[in-house]
Structure formats: C-alpha cells, structure tokens
Amino acid sequence: MSNGAKAGIGKYLPVYIVLLAIFFVEVFLAFRNLPTGTLVGILLLLAIGSASLGLVYFMHLAQERRSLFLTLIPATIFVLLMMNMFWTDSIRLLHMRPLTP
C-alpha cells in the first residue's frame, strides 16, 4: 500500500470510529427508560454531530475555502426560516380547516 493510501485511511479511520461510537450510543439510549423529550433532544444532537462529521470529512468540506461556509450558513438559515413559515399552513391543510388565530 502506498503512503498516499495510508495517509487517506489514517485520516478517515478515526472519524469512522467516532461515527460508530455515536451510533452505539444512540442505540444504547434508545433502549433506556428516558423521558421522550429528553431522548429526542439527545438523539437530535447526536444526529447533528454525526451528520456534521460526515459532511466535513467524507464530503471533503474540511478542505473547502472559508467563503463557502460563509455563503452556505446564511442560505441554510434562510431556507429553515422559510420552511417554518409553511409548516403552519401544512397543518391547516392536513385538517382541511381555516387557520384560526
């Protein structure tokens, strides 16, 4: 195996092990008797962390320029805020009744 292949594996193997550890923590927590709100919050934070690791290392965003992040973060926040505007309308349409203030 060449040095380039070892360097690539050496860089990604710890990330893969951390992702596996996060998965096992999620499975362990799923079988615990935790309150639903607490469990959802913890699992959501772990999912965000593992998604971030996957994006940064496996999709090579760690090597991108800083300007890409400064462009993507406001765009993502904008999309999430716009989605928030439509959720109330989707609930109204689910029940087929007008929105009551």
PDB file of N, CA and C in Angstrom:
ATOM      1  N   MET A   1       0.849  -1.177   0.000  1.00  0.00           N
ATOM      2  CA  MET A   1       0.000   0.000   0.000  1.00  0.00           C
ATOM      3  C   MET A   1       0.893   1.239   0.000  1.00  0.00           C
ATOM      4  N   SER A   2       0.565   2.200  -0.810  1.00  0.00           N
ATOM      5  CA  SER A   2       1.409   3.391  -0.913  1.00  0.00           C
ATOM      6  C   SER A   2       1.177   4.319   0.277  1.00  0.00           C
ATOM      7  N   ASN A   3       2.085   5.281   0.428  1.00  0.00           N
ATOM      8  CA  ASN A   3       1.961   6.240   1.524  1.00  0.00           C
ATOM      9  C   ASN A   3       0.714   7.091   1.402  1.00  0.00           C
ATOM     10  N   GLY A   4       0.313   7.406   0.167  1.00  0.00           N
ATOM     11  CA  GLY A   4      -0.897   8.206  -0.033  1.00  0.00           C
ATOM     12  C   GLY A   4      -2.143   7.483   0.453  1.00  0.00           C
ATOM     13  N   ALA A   5      -2.194   6.169   0.223  1.00  0.00           N
ATOM     14  CA  ALA A   5      -3.347   5.388   0.678  1.00  0.00           C
ATOM     15  C   ALA A   5      -3.362   5.294   2.199  1.00  0.00           C
ATOM     16  N   LYS A   6      -2.185   5.118   2.812  1.00  0.00           N
ATOM     17  CA  LYS A   6      -2.137   5.063   4.271  1.00  0.00           C
ATOM     18  C   LYS A   6      -2.537   6.393   4.882  1.00  0.00           C
ATOM     19  N   ALA A   7      -2.129   7.489   4.284  1.00  0.00           N
ATOM     20  CA  ALA A   7      -2.488   8.804   4.813  1.00  0.00           C
ATOM     21  C   ALA A   7      -3.991   9.021   4.716  1.00  0.00           C
ATOM     22  N   GLY A   8      -4.601   8.573   3.623  1.00  0.00           N
ATOM     23  CA  GLY A   8      -6.044   8.727   3.461  1.00  0.00           C
ATOM     24  C   GLY A   8      -6.814   7.906   4.469  1.00  0.00           C
ATOM     25  N   ILE A   9      -6.405   6.630   4.652  1.00  0.00           N
ATOM     26  CA  ILE A   9      -7.072   5.759   5.612  1.00  0.00           C
ATOM     27  C   ILE A   9      -6.839   6.268   7.025  1.00  0.00           C
ATOM     28  N   GLY A  10      -5.635   6.715   7.298  1.00  0.00           N
ATOM     29  CA  GLY A  10      -5.314   7.223   8.631  1.00  0.00           C
ATOM     30  C   GLY A  10      -6.112   8.457   8.998  1.00  0.00           C
ATOM     31  N   LYS A  11      -6.510   9.210   7.997  1.00  0.00           N
ATOM     32  CA  LYS A  11      -7.289  10.423   8.264  1.00  0.00           C
ATOM     33  C   LYS A  11      -8.758  10.103   8.503  1.00  0.00           C
ATOM     34  N   TYR A  12      -9.291   9.116   7.786  1.00  0.00           N
ATOM     35  CA  TYR A  12     -10.721   8.835   7.855  1.00  0.00           C
ATOM     36  C   TYR A  12     -11.096   7.760   8.864  1.00  0.00           C
ATOM     37  N   LEU A  13     -10.173   6.900   9.239  1.00  0.00           N
ATOM     38  CA  LEU A  13     -10.485   5.826  10.165  1.00  0.00           C
ATOM     39  C   LEU A  13     -10.923   6.338  11.541  1.00  0.00           C
ATOM     40  N   PRO A  14     -10.268   7.320  12.137  1.00  0.00           N
ATOM     41  CA  PRO A  14     -10.762   7.831  13.420  1.00  0.00           C
ATOM     42  C   PRO A  14     -12.166   8.439  13.316  1.00  0.00           C
ATOM     43  N   VAL A  15     -12.456   9.090  12.205  1.00  0.00           N
ATOM     44  CA  VAL A  15     -13.787   9.669  12.023  1.00  0.00           C
ATOM     45  C   VAL A  15     -14.815   8.554  11.936  1.00  0.00           C
ATOM     46  N   TYR A  16     -14.483   7.489  11.218  1.00  0.00           N
ATOM     47  CA  TYR A  16     -15.382   6.350  11.098  1.00  0.00           C
ATOM     48  C   TYR A  16     -15.625   5.706  12.461  1.00  0.00           C
ATOM     49  N   ILE A  17     -14.594   5.592  13.270  1.00  0.00           N
ATOM     50  CA  ILE A  17     -14.736   5.008  14.605  1.00  0.00           C
ATOM     51  C   ILE A  17     -15.607   5.889  15.488  1.00  0.00           C
ATOM     52  N   VAL A  18     -15.447   7.200  15.392  1.00  0.00           N
ATOM     53  CA  VAL A  18     -16.298   8.120  16.161  1.00  0.00           C
ATOM     54  C   VAL A  18     -17.750   8.006  15.710  1.00  0.00           C
ATOM     55  N   LEU A  19     -17.984   7.888  14.410  1.00  0.00           N
ATOM     56  CA  LEU A  19     -19.344   7.715  13.909  1.00  0.00           C
ATOM     57  C   LEU A  19     -19.962   6.407  14.414  1.00  0.00           C
ATOM     58  N   LEU A  20     -19.171   5.344  14.450  1.00  0.00           N
ATOM     59  CA  LEU A  20     -19.663   4.080  15.005  1.00  0.00           C
ATOM     60  C   LEU A  20     -19.977   4.220  16.496  1.00  0.00           C
ATOM     61  N   ALA A  21     -19.138   4.934  17.218  1.00  0.00           N
ATOM     62  CA  ALA A  21     -19.373   5.144  18.650  1.00  0.00           C
ATOM     63  C   ALA A  21     -20.664   5.945  18.866  1.00  0.00           C
ATOM     64  N   ILE A  22     -20.887   6.968  18.057  1.00  0.00           N
ATOM     65  CA  ILE A  22     -22.126   7.740  18.166  1.00  0.00           C
ATOM     66  C   ILE A  22     -23.333   6.844  17.898  1.00  0.00           C
ATOM     67  N   PHE A  23     -23.216   5.970  16.897  1.00  0.00           N
ATOM     68  CA  PHE A  23     -24.304   5.042  16.589  1.00  0.00           C
ATOM     69  C   PHE A  23     -24.602   4.137  17.784  1.00  0.00           C
ATOM     70  N   PHE A  24     -23.564   3.575  18.405  1.00  0.00           N
ATOM     71  CA  PHE A  24     -23.789   2.677  19.530  1.00  0.00           C
ATOM     72  C   PHE A  24     -24.373   3.432  20.728  1.00  0.00           C
ATOM     73  N   VAL A  25     -23.978   4.669  20.932  1.00  0.00           N
ATOM     74  CA  VAL A  25     -24.574   5.475  21.996  1.00  0.00           C
ATOM     75  C   VAL A  25     -26.056   5.715  21.708  1.00  0.00           C
ATOM     76  N   GLU A  26     -26.393   5.986  20.450  1.00  0.00           N
ATOM     77  CA  GLU A  26     -27.799   6.183  20.084  1.00  0.00           C
ATOM     78  C   GLU A  26     -28.622   4.922  20.330  1.00  0.00           C
ATOM     79  N   VAL A  27     -28.089   3.761  19.957  1.00  0.00           N
ATOM     80  CA  VAL A  27     -28.794   2.501  20.186  1.00  0.00           C
ATOM     81  C   VAL A  27     -28.942   2.238  21.680  1.00  0.00           C
ATOM     82  N   PHE A  28     -27.889   2.481  22.448  1.00  0.00           N
ATOM     83  CA  PHE A  28     -27.943   2.289  23.896  1.00  0.00           C
ATOM     84  C   PHE A  28     -29.008   3.185  24.523  1.00  0.00           C
ATOM     85  N   LEU A  29     -29.044   4.451  24.117  1.00  0.00           N
ATOM     86  CA  LEU A  29     -30.013   5.387  24.683  1.00  0.00           C
ATOM     87  C   LEU A  29     -31.447   5.053  24.272  1.00  0.00           C
ATOM     88  N   ALA A  30     -31.613   4.477  23.103  1.00  0.00           N
ATOM     89  CA  ALA A  30     -32.956   4.139  22.628  1.00  0.00           C
ATOM     90  C   ALA A  30     -33.608   3.072  23.516  1.00  0.00           C
ATOM     91  N   PHE A  31     -32.806   2.218  24.136  1.00  0.00           N
ATOM     92  CA  PHE A  31     -33.355   1.167  24.978  1.00  0.00           C
ATOM     93  C   PHE A  31     -33.390   1.541  26.457  1.00  0.00           C
ATOM     94  N   ARG A  32     -33.065   2.764  26.781  1.00  0.00           N
ATOM     95  CA  ARG A  32     -33.134   3.239  28.169  1.00  0.00           C
ATOM     96  C   ARG A  32     -34.521   3.804  28.425  1.00  0.00           C
ATOM     97  N   ASN A  33     -34.903   3.894  29.669  1.00  0.00           N
ATOM     98  CA  ASN A  33     -36.202   4.472  30.032  1.00  0.00           C
ATOM     99  C   ASN A  33     -36.054   5.964  30.310  1.00  0.00           C
ATOM    100  N   LEU A  34     -35.746   6.702  29.278  1.00  0.00           N
ATOM    101  CA  LEU A  34     -35.623   8.151  29.402  1.00  0.00           C
ATOM    102  C   LEU A  34     -36.928   8.804  28.994  1.00  0.00           C
ATOM    103  N   PRO A  35     -37.234   9.985  29.540  1.00  0.00           N
ATOM    104  CA  PRO A  35     -38.422  10.706  29.066  1.00  0.00           C
ATOM    105  C   PRO A  35     -38.297  11.006  27.572  1.00  0.00           C
ATOM    106  N   THR A  36     -39.426  11.003  26.891  1.00  0.00           N
ATOM    107  CA  THR A  36     -39.416  11.139  25.440  1.00  0.00           C
ATOM    108  C   THR A  36     -38.754  12.431  24.987  1.00  0.00           C
ATOM    109  N   GLY A  37     -39.060  13.539  25.624  1.00  0.00           N
ATOM    110  CA  GLY A  37     -38.467  14.821  25.232  1.00  0.00           C
ATOM    111  C   GLY A  37     -36.960  14.831  25.386  1.00  0.00           C
ATOM    112  N   THR A  38     -36.479  14.271  26.481  1.00  0.00           N
ATOM    113  CA  THR A  38     -35.038  14.191  26.719  1.00  0.00           C
ATOM    114  C   THR A  38     -34.366  13.303  25.682  1.00  0.00           C
ATOM    115  N   LEU A  39     -34.980  12.157  25.421  1.00  0.00           N
ATOM    116  CA  LEU A  39     -34.412  11.218  24.447  1.00  0.00           C
ATOM    117  C   LEU A  39     -34.357  11.834  23.056  1.00  0.00           C
ATOM    118  N   VAL A  40     -35.425  12.496  22.647  1.00  0.00           N
ATOM    119  CA  VAL A  40     -35.442  13.125  21.329  1.00  0.00           C
ATOM    120  C   VAL A  40     -34.379  14.213  21.238  1.00  0.00           C
ATOM    121  N   GLY A  41     -34.235  15.016  22.280  1.00  0.00           N
ATOM    122  CA  GLY A  41     -33.220  16.069  22.278  1.00  0.00           C
ATOM    123  C   GLY A  41     -31.811  15.521  22.172  1.00  0.00           C
ATOM    124  N   ILE A  42     -31.515  14.493  22.950  1.00  0.00           N
ATOM    125  CA  ILE A  42     -30.172  13.903  22.916  1.00  0.00           C
ATOM    126  C   ILE A  42     -29.902  13.261  21.556  1.00  0.00           C
ATOM    127  N   LEU A  43     -30.885  12.499  21.057  1.00  0.00           N
ATOM    128  CA  LEU A  43     -30.694  11.841  19.759  1.00  0.00           C
ATOM    129  C   LEU A  43     -30.564  12.856  18.631  1.00  0.00           C
ATOM    130  N   LEU A  44     -31.278  13.957  18.729  1.00  0.00           N
ATOM    131  CA  LEU A  44     -31.167  15.000  17.711  1.00  0.00           C
ATOM    132  C   LEU A  44     -29.776  15.630  17.724  1.00  0.00           C
ATOM    133  N   LEU A  45     -29.248  15.903  18.897  1.00  0.00           N
ATOM    134  CA  LEU A  45     -27.898  16.462  18.986  1.00  0.00           C
ATOM    135  C   LEU A  45     -26.853  15.478  18.457  1.00  0.00           C
ATOM    136  N   LEU A  46     -27.013  14.208  18.781  1.00  0.00           N
ATOM    137  CA  LEU A  46     -26.071  13.206  18.268  1.00  0.00           C
ATOM    138  C   LEU A  46     -26.177  13.070  16.750  1.00  0.00           C
ATOM    139  N   ALA A  47     -27.396  13.157  16.215  1.00  0.00           N
ATOM    140  CA  ALA A  47     -27.575  13.067  14.762  1.00  0.00           C
ATOM    141  C   ALA A  47     -26.954  14.273  14.065  1.00  0.00           C
ATOM    142  N   ILE A  48     -27.097  15.448  14.646  1.00  0.00           N
ATOM    143  CA  ILE A  48     -26.484  16.649  14.068  1.00  0.00           C
ATOM    144  C   ILE A  48     -24.962  16.516  14.089  1.00  0.00           C
ATOM    145  N   GLY A  49     -24.421  15.994  15.188  1.00  0.00           N
ATOM    146  CA  GLY A  49     -22.969  15.802  15.282  1.00  0.00           C
ATOM    147  C   GLY A  49     -22.445  14.803  14.267  1.00  0.00           C
ATOM    148  N   SER A  50     -23.143  13.684  14.103  1.00  0.00           N
ATOM    149  CA  SER A  50     -22.671  12.690  13.141  1.00  0.00           C
ATOM    150  C   SER A  50     -22.854  13.178  11.703  1.00  0.00           C
ATOM    151  N   ALA A  51     -23.918  13.916  11.435  1.00  0.00           N
ATOM    152  CA  ALA A  51     -24.096  14.481  10.094  1.00  0.00           C
ATOM    153  C   ALA A  51     -23.004  15.502   9.800  1.00  0.00           C
ATOM    154  N   SER A  52     -22.639  16.292  10.797  1.00  0.00           N
ATOM    155  CA  SER A  52     -21.572  17.279  10.602  1.00  0.00           C
ATOM    156  C   SER A  52     -20.236  16.598  10.305  1.00  0.00           C
ATOM    157  N   LEU A  53     -19.938  15.543  11.041  1.00  0.00           N
ATOM    158  CA  LEU A  53     -18.696  14.806  10.772  1.00  0.00           C
ATOM    159  C   LEU A  53     -18.696  14.219   9.369  1.00  0.00           C
ATOM    160  N   GLY A  54     -19.819  13.656   8.968  1.00  0.00           N
ATOM    161  CA  GLY A  54     -19.914  13.091   7.631  1.00  0.00           C
ATOM    162  C   GLY A  54     -19.726  14.138   6.556  1.00  0.00           C
ATOM    163  N   LEU A  55     -20.321  15.292   6.750  1.00  0.00           N
ATOM    164  CA  LEU A  55     -20.178  16.370   5.769  1.00  0.00           C
ATOM    165  C   LEU A  55     -18.748  16.884   5.695  1.00  0.00           C
ATOM    166  N   VAL A  56     -18.165  17.117   6.852  1.00  0.00           N
ATOM    167  CA  VAL A  56     -16.845  17.741   6.878  1.00  0.00           C
ATOM    168  C   VAL A  56     -15.764  16.805   6.340  1.00  0.00           C
ATOM    169  N   TYR A  57     -15.798  15.528   6.737  1.00  0.00           N
ATOM    170  CA  TYR A  57     -14.713  14.639   6.352  1.00  0.00           C
ATOM    171  C   TYR A  57     -14.994  13.816   5.100  1.00  0.00           C
ATOM    172  N   PHE A  58     -16.166  13.196   5.025  1.00  0.00           N
ATOM    173  CA  PHE A  58     -16.413  12.299   3.908  1.00  0.00           C
ATOM    174  C   PHE A  58     -16.861  13.026   2.653  1.00  0.00           C
ATOM    175  N   MET A  59     -17.389  14.231   2.789  1.00  0.00           N
ATOM    176  CA  MET A  59     -17.736  15.016   1.602  1.00  0.00           C
ATOM    177  C   MET A  59     -16.689  16.105   1.357  1.00  0.00           C
ATOM    178  N   HIS A  60     -15.575  16.024   2.069  1.00  0.00           N
ATOM    179  CA  HIS A  60     -14.392  16.862   1.855  1.00  0.00           C
ATOM    180  C   HIS A  60     -14.676  18.348   2.022  1.00  0.00           C
ATOM    181  N   LEU A  61     -15.584  18.711   2.909  1.00  0.00           N
ATOM    182  CA  LEU A  61     -15.827  20.126   3.164  1.00  0.00           C
ATOM    183  C   LEU A  61     -14.747  20.739   4.052  1.00  0.00           C
ATOM    184  N   ALA A  62     -13.929  19.906   4.682  1.00  0.00           N
ATOM    185  CA  ALA A  62     -12.845  20.432   5.513  1.00  0.00           C
ATOM    186  C   ALA A  62     -11.786  21.131   4.656  1.00  0.00           C
ATOM    187  N   GLN A  63     -11.676  20.728   3.384  1.00  0.00           N
ATOM    188  CA  GLN A  63     -10.670  21.327   2.510  1.00  0.00           C
ATOM    189  C   GLN A  63     -11.211  22.529   1.725  1.00  0.00           C
ATOM    190  N   GLU A  64     -12.461  22.866   1.902  1.00  0.00           N
ATOM    191  CA  GLU A  64     -13.033  23.985   1.156  1.00  0.00           C
ATOM    192  C   GLU A  64     -12.596  25.315   1.771  1.00  0.00           C
ATOM    193  N   ARG A  65     -12.762  26.361   0.987  1.00  0.00           N
ATOM    194  CA  ARG A  65     -12.421  27.702   1.476  1.00  0.00           C
ATOM    195  C   ARG A  65     -13.476  28.178   2.473  1.00  0.00           C
ATOM    196  N   ARG A  66     -13.093  29.114   3.287  1.00  0.00           N
ATOM    197  CA  ARG A  66     -13.981  29.663   4.314  1.00  0.00           C
ATOM    198  C   ARG A  66     -15.170  30.381   3.686  1.00  0.00           C
ATOM    199  N   SER A  67     -14.999  30.951   2.512  1.00  0.00           N
ATOM    200  CA  SER A  67     -16.085  31.694   1.876  1.00  0.00           C
ATOM    201  C   SER A  67     -17.268  30.780   1.552  1.00  0.00           C
ATOM    202  N   LEU A  68     -17.012  29.495   1.290  1.00  0.00           N
ATOM    203  CA  LEU A  68     -18.109  28.562   1.037  1.00  0.00           C
ATOM    204  C   LEU A  68     -18.992  28.433   2.273  1.00  0.00           C
ATOM    205  N   PHE A  69     -18.375  28.298   3.442  1.00  0.00           N
ATOM    206  CA  PHE A  69     -19.139  28.198   4.678  1.00  0.00           C
ATOM    207  C   PHE A  69     -19.914  29.488   4.950  1.00  0.00           C
ATOM    208  N   LEU A  70     -19.271  30.619   4.691  1.00  0.00           N
ATOM    209  CA  LEU A  70     -19.942  31.893   4.944  1.00  0.00           C
ATOM    210  C   LEU A  70     -21.095  32.125   3.984  1.00  0.00           C
ATOM    211  N   THR A  71     -21.110  31.422   2.874  1.00  0.00           N
ATOM    212  CA  THR A  71     -22.223  31.501   1.940  1.00  0.00           C
ATOM    213  C   THR A  71     -23.297  30.484   2.297  1.00  0.00           C
ATOM    214  N   LEU A  72     -22.904  29.286   2.663  1.00  0.00           N
ATOM    215  CA  LEU A  72     -23.865  28.227   2.925  1.00  0.00           C
ATOM    216  C   LEU A  72     -24.642  28.410   4.219  1.00  0.00           C
ATOM    217  N   ILE A  73     -24.011  28.903   5.255  1.00  0.00           N
ATOM    218  CA  ILE A  73     -24.690  29.024   6.543  1.00  0.00           C
ATOM    219  C   ILE A  73     -25.862  29.995   6.478  1.00  0.00           C
ATOM    220  N   PRO A  74     -25.716  31.223   5.961  1.00  0.00           N
ATOM    221  CA  PRO A  74     -26.897  32.094   5.862  1.00  0.00           C
ATOM    222  C   PRO A  74     -27.975  31.528   4.937  1.00  0.00           C
ATOM    223  N   ALA A  75     -27.572  30.866   3.858  1.00  0.00           N
ATOM    224  CA  ALA A  75     -28.561  30.282   2.951  1.00  0.00           C
ATOM    225  C   ALA A  75     -29.342  29.171   3.649  1.00  0.00           C
ATOM    226  N   THR A  76     -28.671  28.350   4.442  1.00  0.00           N
ATOM    227  CA  THR A  76     -29.345  27.285   5.169  1.00  0.00           C
ATOM    228  C   THR A  76     -30.296  27.849   6.208  1.00  0.00           C
ATOM    229  N   ILE A  77     -29.870  28.878   6.923  1.00  0.00           N
ATOM    230  CA  ILE A  77     -30.740  29.519   7.911  1.00  0.00           C
ATOM    231  C   ILE A  77     -31.962  30.125   7.229  1.00  0.00           C
ATOM    232  N   PHE A  78     -31.767  30.733   6.083  1.00  0.00           N
ATOM    233  CA  PHE A  78     -32.888  31.303   5.338  1.00  0.00           C
ATOM    234  C   PHE A  78     -33.879  30.221   4.925  1.00  0.00           C
ATOM    235  N   VAL A  79     -33.386  29.115   4.414  1.00  0.00           N
ATOM    236  CA  VAL A  79     -34.277  28.024   3.991  1.00  0.00           C
ATOM    237  C   VAL A  79     -35.043  27.466   5.181  1.00  0.00           C
ATOM    238  N   LEU A  80     -34.383  27.290   6.319  1.00  0.00           N
ATOM    239  CA  LEU A  80     -35.074  26.781   7.501  1.00  0.00           C
ATOM    240  C   LEU A  80     -36.135  27.759   7.992  1.00  0.00           C
ATOM    241  N   LEU A  81     -35.841  29.042   7.961  1.00  0.00           N
ATOM    242  CA  LEU A  81     -36.846  30.032   8.353  1.00  0.00           C
ATOM    243  C   LEU A  81     -38.029  30.045   7.400  1.00  0.00           C
ATOM    244  N   MET A  82     -37.772  29.905   6.115  1.00  0.00           N
ATOM    245  CA  MET A  82     -38.874  29.858   5.154  1.00  0.00           C
ATOM    246  C   MET A  82     -39.713  28.593   5.321  1.00  0.00           C
ATOM    247  N   MET A  83     -39.059  27.476   5.648  1.00  0.00           N
ATOM    248  CA  MET A  83     -39.814  26.247   5.922  1.00  0.00           C
ATOM    249  C   MET A  83     -40.705  26.442   7.132  1.00  0.00           C
ATOM    250  N   ASN A  84     -40.224  27.178   8.116  1.00  0.00           N
ATOM    251  CA  ASN A  84     -41.006  27.439   9.309  1.00  0.00           C
ATOM    252  C   ASN A  84     -42.276  28.224   8.979  1.00  0.00           C
ATOM    253  N   MET A  85     -42.235  29.053   7.962  1.00  0.00           N
ATOM    254  CA  MET A  85     -43.414  29.824   7.572  1.00  0.00           C
ATOM    255  C   MET A  85     -44.505  28.937   6.979  1.00  0.00           C
ATOM    256  N   PHE A  86     -44.121  27.828   6.356  1.00  0.00           N
ATOM    257  CA  PHE A  86     -45.094  26.976   5.674  1.00  0.00           C
ATOM    258  C   PHE A  86     -45.612  25.832   6.535  1.00  0.00           C
ATOM    259  N   TRP A  87     -44.970  25.550   7.663  1.00  0.00           N
ATOM    260  CA  TRP A  87     -45.419  24.427   8.488  1.00  0.00           C
ATOM    261  C   TRP A  87     -46.819  24.658   9.031  1.00  0.00           C
ATOM    262  N   THR A  88     -47.126  25.871   9.455  1.00  0.00           N
ATOM    263  CA  THR A  88     -48.459  26.139   9.996  1.00  0.00           C
ATOM    264  C   THR A  88     -49.519  25.944   8.917  1.00  0.00           C
ATOM    265  N   ASP A  89     -49.218  26.306   7.691  1.00  0.00           N
ATOM    266  CA  ASP A  89     -50.171  26.125   6.611  1.00  0.00           C
ATOM    267  C   ASP A  89     -50.362  24.652   6.293  1.00  0.00           C
ATOM    268  N   SER A  90     -49.313  23.850   6.403  1.00  0.00           N
ATOM    269  CA  SER A  90     -49.455  22.425   6.123  1.00  0.00           C
ATOM    270  C   SER A  90     -50.306  21.742   7.189  1.00  0.00           C
ATOM    271  N   ILE A  91     -50.205  22.184   8.436  1.00  0.00           N
ATOM    272  CA  ILE A  91     -51.054  21.631   9.490  1.00  0.00           C
ATOM    273  C   ILE A  91     -52.514  21.982   9.207  1.00  0.00           C
ATOM    274  N   ARG A  92     -52.760  23.205   8.777  1.00  0.00           N
ATOM    275  CA  ARG A  92     -54.119  23.631   8.464  1.00  0.00           C
ATOM    276  C   ARG A  92     -54.685  22.795   7.327  1.00  0.00           C
ATOM    277  N   LEU A  93     -53.887  22.544   6.304  1.00  0.00           N
ATOM    278  CA  LEU A  93     -54.353  21.750   5.176  1.00  0.00           C
ATOM    279  C   LEU A  93     -54.553  20.285   5.545  1.00  0.00           C
ATOM    280  N   LEU A  94     -53.802  19.796   6.523  1.00  0.00           N
ATOM    281  CA  LEU A  94     -53.959  18.418   6.965  1.00  0.00           C
ATOM    282  C   LEU A  94     -55.359  18.190   7.534  1.00  0.00           C
ATOM    283  N   HIS A  95     -55.863  19.186   8.270  1.00  0.00           N
ATOM    284  CA  HIS A  95     -57.180  19.069   8.882  1.00  0.00           C
ATOM    285  C   HIS A  95     -58.283  19.697   8.021  1.00  0.00           C
ATOM    286  N   MET A  96     -57.909  20.312   6.891  1.00  0.00           N
ATOM    287  CA  MET A  96     -58.846  20.920   5.947  1.00  0.00           C
ATOM    288  C   MET A  96     -59.774  21.923   6.621  1.00  0.00           C
ATOM    289  N   ARG A  97     -59.199  22.810   7.400  1.00  0.00           N
ATOM    290  CA  ARG A  97     -59.982  23.869   8.018  1.00  0.00           C
ATOM    291  C   ARG A  97     -59.186  25.148   7.986  1.00  0.00           C
ATOM    292  N   PRO A  98     -59.858  26.298   8.055  1.00  0.00           N
ATOM    293  CA  PRO A  98     -59.126  27.562   8.011  1.00  0.00           C
ATOM    294  C   PRO A  98     -58.293  27.769   9.276  1.00  0.00           C
ATOM    295  N   LEU A  99     -57.261  28.535   9.127  1.00  0.00           N
ATOM    296  CA  LEU A  99     -56.366  28.835  10.234  1.00  0.00           C
ATOM    297  C   LEU A  99     -57.067  29.785  11.197  1.00  0.00           C
ATOM    298  N   THR A 100     -57.169  29.403  12.464  1.00  0.00           N
ATOM    299  CA  THR A 100     -57.796  30.260  13.466  1.00  0.00           C
ATOM    300  C   THR A 100     -56.715  30.861  14.325  1.00  0.00           C
ATOM    301  N   PRO A 101     -56.718  32.174  14.469  1.00  0.00           N
ATOM    302  CA  PRO A 101     -55.654  32.813  15.277  1.00  0.00           C
ATOM    303  C   PRO A 101     -55.804  32.577  16.749  1.00  0.00           C
TER     304      PRO A 101
END
